[in-house]
C-alpha atoms as a PDB file:
ATOM      1  CA  UNK A   1      -9.994 -31.843  17.376  1.00  0.00           C
ATOM      2  CA  UNK A   2      -8.478 -28.672  18.810  1.00  0.00           C
ATOM      3  CA  UNK A   3      -5.291 -30.532  19.727  1.00  0.00           C
ATOM      4  CA  UNK A   4      -4.330 -30.470  16.052  1.00  0.00           C
ATOM      5  CA  UNK A   5      -4.015 -26.689  16.311  1.00  0.00           C
ATOM      6  CA  UNK A   6      -1.074 -27.033  18.703  1.00  0.00           C
ATOM      7  CA  UNK A   7       1.005 -27.839  15.640  1.00  0.00           C
ATOM      8  CA  UNK A   8       2.856 -24.608  14.631  1.00  0.00           C
ATOM      9  CA  UNK A   9       1.810 -24.734  10.970  1.00  0.00           C
ATOM     10  CA  UNK A  10      -1.843 -25.444  11.799  1.00  0.00           C
ATOM     11  CA  UNK A  11      -1.825 -22.679  14.414  1.00  0.00           C
ATOM     12  CA  UNK A  12      -0.613 -20.196  11.783  1.00  0.00           C
ATOM     13  CA  UNK A  13      -3.252 -21.422   9.315  1.00  0.00           C
ATOM     14  CA  UNK A  14      -5.893 -20.919  12.011  1.00  0.00           C
ATOM     15  CA  UNK A  15      -4.629 -17.391  12.599  1.00  0.00           C
ATOM     16  CA  UNK A  16      -5.063 -16.761   8.879  1.00  0.00           C
ATOM     17  CA  UNK A  17      -8.664 -18.008   8.960  1.00  0.00           C
ATOM     18  CA  UNK A  18      -9.424 -15.784  11.958  1.00  0.00           C
ATOM     19  CA  UNK A  19      -7.864 -12.837  10.118  1.00  0.00           C
ATOM     20  CA  UNK A  20     -10.092 -13.543   7.121  1.00  0.00           C
ATOM     21  CA  UNK A  21     -13.119 -13.582   9.422  1.00  0.00           C
ATOM     22  CA  UNK A  22     -12.210 -10.174  10.841  1.00  0.00           C
ATOM     23  CA  UNK A  23     -11.599  -8.872   7.318  1.00  0.00           C
ATOM     24  CA  UNK A  24     -14.995 -10.094   6.095  1.00  0.00           C
ATOM     25  CA  UNK A  25     -16.647  -8.352   9.061  1.00  0.00           C
ATOM     26  CA  UNK A  26     -14.835  -5.103   8.219  1.00  0.00           C
ATOM     27  CA  UNK A  27     -15.841  -5.356   4.554  1.00  0.00           C
ATOM     28  CA  UNK A  28     -19.497  -5.851   5.503  1.00  0.00           C
ATOM     29  CA  UNK A  29     -19.196  -2.739   7.679  1.00  0.00           C
ATOM     30  CA  UNK A  30     -17.945  -0.802   4.649  1.00  0.00           C
ATOM     31  CA  UNK A  31     -14.294  -0.571   5.798  1.00  0.00           C
ATOM     32  CA  UNK A  32     -13.001  -2.173   2.622  1.00  0.00           C
ATOM     33  CA  UNK A  33      -9.462  -0.796   2.797  1.00  0.00           C
ATOM     34  CA  UNK A  34      -9.048  -2.070   6.371  1.00  0.00           C
ATOM     35  CA  UNK A  35     -10.590  -5.393   5.284  1.00  0.00           C
ATOM     36  CA  UNK A  36      -8.032  -5.741   2.503  1.00  0.00           C
ATOM     37  CA  UNK A  37      -5.229  -4.826   4.908  1.00  0.00           C
ATOM     38  CA  UNK A  38      -6.241  -7.511   7.424  1.00  0.00           C
ATOM     39  CA  UNK A  39      -6.824  -9.970   4.602  1.00  0.00           C
ATOM     40  CA  UNK A  40      -3.166  -9.631   3.660  1.00  0.00           C
ATOM     41  CA  UNK A  41      -2.317 -11.128   7.055  1.00  0.00           C
ATOM     42  CA  UNK A  42      -4.233 -14.249   6.075  1.00  0.00           C
ATOM     43  CA  UNK A  43      -2.347 -14.422   2.795  1.00  0.00           C
ATOM     44  CA  UNK A  44       0.999 -14.068   4.618  1.00  0.00           C
ATOM     45  CA  UNK A  45      -0.043 -16.765   7.095  1.00  0.00           C
ATOM     46  CA  UNK A  46      -0.687 -19.045   4.117  1.00  0.00           C
ATOM     47  CA  UNK A  47       2.849 -18.450   2.869  1.00  0.00           C
ATOM     48  CA  UNK A  48       4.300 -19.177   6.323  1.00  0.00           C
ATOM     49  CA  UNK A  49       2.356 -22.281   7.281  1.00  0.00           C
ATOM     50  CA  UNK A  50       3.882 -24.393   4.511  1.00  0.00           C
ATOM     51  CA  UNK A  51       7.389 -23.394   5.549  1.00  0.00           C
ATOM     52  CA  UNK A  52       6.619 -24.284   9.176  1.00  0.00           C
ATOM     53  CA  UNK A  53       5.086 -27.606   8.155  1.00  0.00           C
ATOM     54  CA  UNK A  54       8.240 -28.598   6.285  1.00  0.00           C
ATOM     55  CA  UNK A  55      10.503 -27.526   9.145  1.00  0.00           C
ATOM     56  CA  UNK A  56       8.534 -29.150  11.993  1.00  0.00           C
ATOM     57  CA  UNK A  57      10.344 -32.386  12.904  1.00  0.00           C
ATOM     58  CA  UNK A  58       8.349 -35.554  13.542  1.00  0.00           C
ATOM     59  CA  UNK A  59       5.079 -34.137  12.243  1.00  0.00           C
ATOM     60  CA  UNK A  60       2.576 -36.994  12.351  1.00  0.00           C
ATOM     61  CA  UNK A  61       0.547 -37.993   9.252  1.00  0.00           C
ATOM     62  CA  UNK A  62      -2.783 -37.180  10.932  1.00  0.00           C
ATOM     63  CA  UNK A  63      -1.579 -33.677  11.875  1.00  0.00           C
ATOM     64  CA  UNK A  64      -0.352 -33.184   8.304  1.00  0.00           C
ATOM     65  CA  UNK A  65      -3.692 -34.393   6.888  1.00  0.00           C
ATOM     66  CA  UNK A  66      -5.666 -31.988   9.087  1.00  0.00           C
ATOM     67  CA  UNK A  67      -3.235 -29.216   8.129  1.00  0.00           C
ATOM     68  CA  UNK A  68      -3.685 -29.852   4.406  1.00  0.00           C
ATOM     69  CA  UNK A  69      -7.474 -29.729   4.699  1.00  0.00           C
ATOM     70  CA  UNK A  70      -7.382 -26.669   6.950  1.00  0.00           C
ATOM     71  CA  UNK A  71      -5.051 -24.925   4.506  1.00  0.00           C
ATOM     72  CA  UNK A  72      -7.500 -25.577   1.664  1.00  0.00           C
ATOM     73  CA  UNK A  73     -10.317 -23.909   3.592  1.00  0.00           C
ATOM     74  CA  UNK A  74      -8.049 -20.977   4.423  1.00  0.00           C
ATOM     75  CA  UNK A  75      -7.166 -20.596   0.738  1.00  0.00           C
ATOM     76  CA  UNK A  76     -10.757 -20.408  -0.453  1.00  0.00           C
ATOM     77  CA  UNK A  77     -11.734 -17.957   2.294  1.00  0.00           C
ATOM     78  CA  UNK A  78      -8.920 -15.422   1.843  1.00  0.00           C
ATOM     79  CA  UNK A  79      -8.362 -16.095  -1.847  1.00  0.00           C
ATOM     80  CA  UNK A  80     -11.929 -16.069  -3.168  1.00  0.00           C
ATOM     81  CA  UNK A  81     -14.563 -15.314  -0.507  1.00  0.00           C
ATOM     82  CA  UNK A  82     -12.883 -12.250   0.994  1.00  0.00           C
ATOM     83  CA  UNK A  83     -12.059 -10.508  -2.323  1.00  0.00           C
ATOM     84  CA  UNK A  84     -15.629 -11.233  -3.446  1.00  0.00           C
ATOM     85  CA  UNK A  85     -17.072  -9.644  -0.289  1.00  0.00           C
ATOM     86  CA  UNK A  86     -14.776  -6.604  -0.676  1.00  0.00           C
ATOM     87  CA  UNK A  87     -15.901  -6.110  -4.273  1.00  0.00           C
ATOM     88  CA  UNK A  88     -19.527  -6.658  -3.249  1.00  0.00           C
ATOM     89  CA  UNK A  89     -19.115  -3.871  -0.676  1.00  0.00           C
ATOM     90  CA  UNK A  90     -17.266  -1.658  -3.147  1.00  0.00           C
ATOM     91  CA  UNK A  91     -20.068  -1.958  -5.703  1.00  0.00           C
ATOM     92  CA  UNK A  92     -22.748  -1.660  -2.983  1.00  0.00           C
ATOM     93  CA  UNK A  93     -24.539  -4.769  -4.175  1.00  0.00           C
ATOM     94  CA  UNK A  94     -25.358  -3.487  -7.664  1.00  0.00           C
ATOM     95  CA  UNK A  95     -26.007  -5.680 -10.718  1.00  0.00           C
ATOM     96  CA  UNK A  96     -22.313  -5.874 -11.612  1.00  0.00           C
ATOM     97  CA  UNK A  97     -21.563  -7.447  -8.230  1.00  0.00           C
ATOM     98  CA  UNK A  98     -24.291 -10.028  -8.835  1.00  0.00           C
ATOM     99  CA  UNK A  99     -22.363 -11.108 -11.926  1.00  0.00           C
ATOM    100  CA  UNK A 100     -18.771 -10.911 -10.731  1.00  0.00           C
ATOM    101  CA  UNK A 101     -19.075 -12.360  -7.201  1.00  0.00           C
ATOM    102  CA  UNK A 102     -20.435 -15.792  -8.285  1.00  0.00           C
ATOM    103  CA  UNK A 103     -17.864 -15.819 -11.096  1.00  0.00           C
ATOM    104  CA  UNK A 104     -15.004 -15.194  -8.660  1.00  0.00           C
ATOM    105  CA  UNK A 105     -16.232 -17.878  -6.255  1.00  0.00           C
ATOM    106  CA  UNK A 106     -16.614 -20.446  -9.017  1.00  0.00           C
ATOM    107  CA  UNK A 107     -13.199 -19.656 -10.524  1.00  0.00           C
ATOM    108  CA  UNK A 108     -11.577 -19.829  -7.088  1.00  0.00           C
ATOM    109  CA  UNK A 109     -13.201 -23.172  -6.300  1.00  0.00           C
ATOM    110  CA  UNK A 110     -12.156 -24.674  -9.635  1.00  0.00           C
ATOM    111  CA  UNK A 111      -8.605 -23.334  -9.240  1.00  0.00           C
ATOM    112  CA  UNK A 112      -8.173 -24.822  -5.769  1.00  0.00           C
ATOM    113  CA  UNK A 113      -9.795 -28.127  -6.744  1.00  0.00           C
ATOM    114  CA  UNK A 114      -7.362 -28.444  -9.648  1.00  0.00           C
ATOM    115  CA  UNK A 115      -4.356 -27.554  -7.492  1.00  0.00           C
ATOM    116  CA  UNK A 116      -5.378 -29.927  -4.685  1.00  0.00           C
ATOM    117  CA  UNK A 117      -5.712 -32.724  -7.230  1.00  0.00           C
ATOM    118  CA  UNK A 118      -2.600 -32.130  -9.334  1.00  0.00           C
ATOM    119  CA  UNK A 119      -0.360 -29.702  -7.418  1.00  0.00           C
ATOM    120  CA  UNK A 120       2.691 -28.212  -9.090  1.00  0.00           C
ATOM    121  CA  UNK A 121       3.851 -29.391 -12.496  1.00  0.00           C
ATOM    122  CA  UNK A 122       7.581 -29.030 -13.188  1.00  0.00           C
ATOM    123  CA  UNK A 123       7.831 -26.327 -10.546  1.00  0.00           C
ATOM    124  CA  UNK A 124       4.975 -24.279 -12.006  1.00  0.00           C
ATOM    125  CA  UNK A 125       1.341 -23.573 -11.167  1.00  0.00           C
ATOM    126  CA  UNK A 126      -1.340 -24.084 -13.786  1.00  0.00           C
ATOM    127  CA  UNK A 127      -3.440 -20.933 -13.705  1.00  0.00           C
ATOM    128  CA  UNK A 128      -2.811 -17.845 -11.603  1.00  0.00           C
ATOM    129  CA  UNK A 129      -2.837 -18.729  -7.861  1.00  0.00           C
ATOM    130  CA  UNK A 130      -5.534 -17.200  -5.649  1.00  0.00           C
ATOM    131  CA  UNK A 131      -2.816 -15.722  -3.440  1.00  0.00           C
ATOM    132  CA  UNK A 132      -2.370 -13.005  -6.090  1.00  0.00           C
ATOM    133  CA  UNK A 133      -5.859 -11.557  -5.533  1.00  0.00           C
ATOM    134  CA  UNK A 134      -5.422  -9.665  -2.261  1.00  0.00           C
ATOM    135  CA  UNK A 135      -2.040  -8.093  -3.162  1.00  0.00           C
ATOM    136  CA  UNK A 136      -3.576  -6.892  -6.444  1.00  0.00           C
ATOM    137  CA  UNK A 137      -6.669  -5.593  -4.648  1.00  0.00           C
ATOM    138  CA  UNK A 138      -4.413  -3.801  -2.146  1.00  0.00           C
ATOM    139  CA  UNK A 139      -2.528  -2.183  -5.031  1.00  0.00           C
ATOM    140  CA  UNK A 140      -5.782  -0.790  -6.413  1.00  0.00           C
ATOM    141  CA  UNK A 141      -6.638   0.744  -3.061  1.00  0.00           C
ATOM    142  CA  UNK A 142      -3.139   2.171  -2.674  1.00  0.00           C
ATOM    143  CA  UNK A 143      -3.468   4.106  -5.960  1.00  0.00           C
ATOM    144  CA  UNK A 144      -7.170   4.919  -5.545  1.00  0.00           C
ATOM    145  CA  UNK A 145      -6.486   8.563  -4.654  1.00  0.00           C
ATOM    146  CA  UNK A 146      -4.965   9.131  -8.113  1.00  0.00           C
ATOM    147  CA  UNK A 147      -7.913   7.651 -10.018  1.00  0.00           C
ATOM    148  CA  UNK A 148     -11.305   9.261 -10.699  1.00  0.00           C
ATOM    149  CA  UNK A 149     -13.994   7.497  -8.661  1.00  0.00           C
ATOM    150  CA  UNK A 150     -16.043   6.789 -11.778  1.00  0.00           C
ATOM    151  CA  UNK A 151     -13.005   4.966 -13.196  1.00  0.00           C
ATOM    152  CA  UNK A 152     -11.870   3.121 -10.066  1.00  0.00           C
ATOM    153  CA  UNK A 153     -14.772   0.702  -9.562  1.00  0.00           C
ATOM    154  CA  UNK A 154     -15.100  -0.340 -13.245  1.00  0.00           C
ATOM    155  CA  UNK A 155     -11.323  -0.824 -13.359  1.00  0.00           C
ATOM    156  CA  UNK A 156     -11.394  -3.126 -10.322  1.00  0.00           C
ATOM    157  CA  UNK A 157     -14.320  -5.103 -11.739  1.00  0.00           C
ATOM    158  CA  UNK A 158     -12.611  -5.515 -15.125  1.00  0.00           C
ATOM    159  CA  UNK A 159      -9.343  -6.587 -13.475  1.00  0.00           C
ATOM    160  CA  UNK A 160     -11.040  -9.225 -11.343  1.00  0.00           C
ATOM    161  CA  UNK A 161     -13.122 -10.599 -14.186  1.00  0.00           C
ATOM    162  CA  UNK A 162      -9.862 -11.050 -16.096  1.00  0.00           C
ATOM    163  CA  UNK A 163      -8.196 -12.489 -13.004  1.00  0.00           C
ATOM    164  CA  UNK A 164     -11.023 -15.011 -12.571  1.00  0.00           C
ATOM    165  CA  UNK A 165     -10.354 -16.164 -16.123  1.00  0.00           C
ATOM    166  CA  UNK A 166      -6.615 -16.399 -15.459  1.00  0.00           C
ATOM    167  CA  UNK A 167      -7.254 -18.533 -12.364  1.00  0.00           C
ATOM    168  CA  UNK A 168      -8.781 -21.269 -14.502  1.00  0.00           C
ATOM    169  CA  UNK A 169      -6.543 -20.797 -17.551  1.00  0.00           C
ATOM    170  CA  UNK A 170      -3.719 -23.060 -18.737  1.00  0.00           C
ATOM    171  CA  UNK A 171      -1.193 -20.289 -18.105  1.00  0.00           C
ATOM    172  CA  UNK A 172       1.959 -21.614 -16.414  1.00  0.00           C
ATOM    173  CA  UNK A 173       3.138 -19.540 -13.445  1.00  0.00           C
ATOM    174  CA  UNK A 174       6.554 -20.415 -11.937  1.00  0.00           C
ATOM    175  CA  UNK A 175       6.418 -21.171  -8.218  1.00  0.00           C
ATOM    176  CA  UNK A 176       7.921 -18.241  -6.305  1.00  0.00           C
ATOM    177  CA  UNK A 177      11.495 -18.491  -5.118  1.00  0.00           C
ATOM    178  CA  UNK A 178      13.014 -17.085  -1.949  1.00  0.00           C
ATOM    179  CA  UNK A 179      13.497 -13.596  -3.417  1.00  0.00           C
ATOM    180  CA  UNK A 180       9.870 -13.392  -4.543  1.00  0.00           C
ATOM    181  CA  UNK A 181       8.642 -14.606  -1.148  1.00  0.00           C
ATOM    182  CA  UNK A 182      10.704 -11.911   0.539  1.00  0.00           C
ATOM    183  CA  UNK A 183       9.374  -9.278  -1.857  1.00  0.00           C
ATOM    184  CA  UNK A 184       5.819 -10.440  -1.222  1.00  0.00           C
ATOM    185  CA  UNK A 185       6.270 -10.235   2.554  1.00  0.00           C
ATOM    186  CA  UNK A 186       7.767  -6.732   2.348  1.00  0.00           C
ATOM    187  CA  UNK A 187       5.112  -5.458  -0.080  1.00  0.00           C
ATOM    188  CA  UNK A 188       2.216  -6.981   1.855  1.00  0.00           C
ATOM    189  CA  UNK A 189       3.500  -5.655   5.192  1.00  0.00           C
ATOM    190  CA  UNK A 190       3.911  -2.133   3.813  1.00  0.00           C
ATOM    191  CA  UNK A 191       0.584  -2.257   1.961  1.00  0.00           C
ATOM    192  CA  UNK A 192      -1.251  -3.531   5.041  1.00  0.00           C
ATOM    193  CA  UNK A 193       0.319  -0.864   7.267  1.00  0.00           C
ATOM    194  CA  UNK A 194      -0.499   1.912   4.787  1.00  0.00           C
ATOM    195  CA  UNK A 195      -4.114   0.852   4.289  1.00  0.00           C
ATOM    196  CA  UNK A 196      -4.698   0.415   8.023  1.00  0.00           C
ATOM    197  CA  UNK A 197      -3.194   3.831   8.774  1.00  0.00           C
ATOM    198  CA  UNK A 198      -5.378   5.389   6.088  1.00  0.00           C
ATOM    199  CA  UNK A 199      -8.480   3.636   7.443  1.00  0.00           C
ATOM    200  CA  UNK A 200      -7.852   4.777  11.016  1.00  0.00           C
ATOM    201  CA  UNK A 201      -7.002   8.358  10.020  1.00  0.00           C
ATOM    202  CA  UNK A 202      -9.981   8.837   7.703  1.00  0.00           C
END
C-alpha cells in the first residue's frame, strides 16, 4: 500500500494529513493558534496535490484512485475535524461546543459527499468549500487582540454556525483561478508564520 505514496501528489496529500494530525494534537494541548497555523499547511497541501496530479505524466489509474480517496480523507480531516477540535478547545468543552461541533462535522461530511458525487458544475462549487474554514479561522485569531474576549468566542461560534449552513447551501461559488490561488498561498503563508511566531513568543 505504501508504494502509492511515492506518487508526488499522494505524497503531498499524506504530508497534509500528517500536518492535520500535528494540528489536532496542538489544539488538544490548548495551543489553538499554533494548531490553526499548522492546519493551514494541510489546506495548502490540498491545493497543491491536485496540480501535481494533473502534471504527473503517466499516472496510473490505480494511483489516481488511491489519490482521490486519500484526498477525500484529507479534506474531511483538515476541513471539518480540525476546525471542530479548535473550536472545542476554544470553548473549553462547554454546551455551545456540544451543539456546534456535531453540526460542523455533519455539514462537512454532507458537503464532501455532494462534491465527490457531483463535482464542479459549470466551473462552480455548490455550497462553500471546506477549504475556506481554516483561512477564516486564522483571520479570527489574527484580529483577536483587537476584540474583547467576551465577544471573540461568540463571534467565532456564530461565524462557524453560519459557515456550516453555507457549506450545505445551494450557493454557487466560482472555482478559484490562478490569481486567487496565488492570493490564498500568500495569505495562508503569512497567516501561518504570524500565528506560529505569536504562539512561540507567548
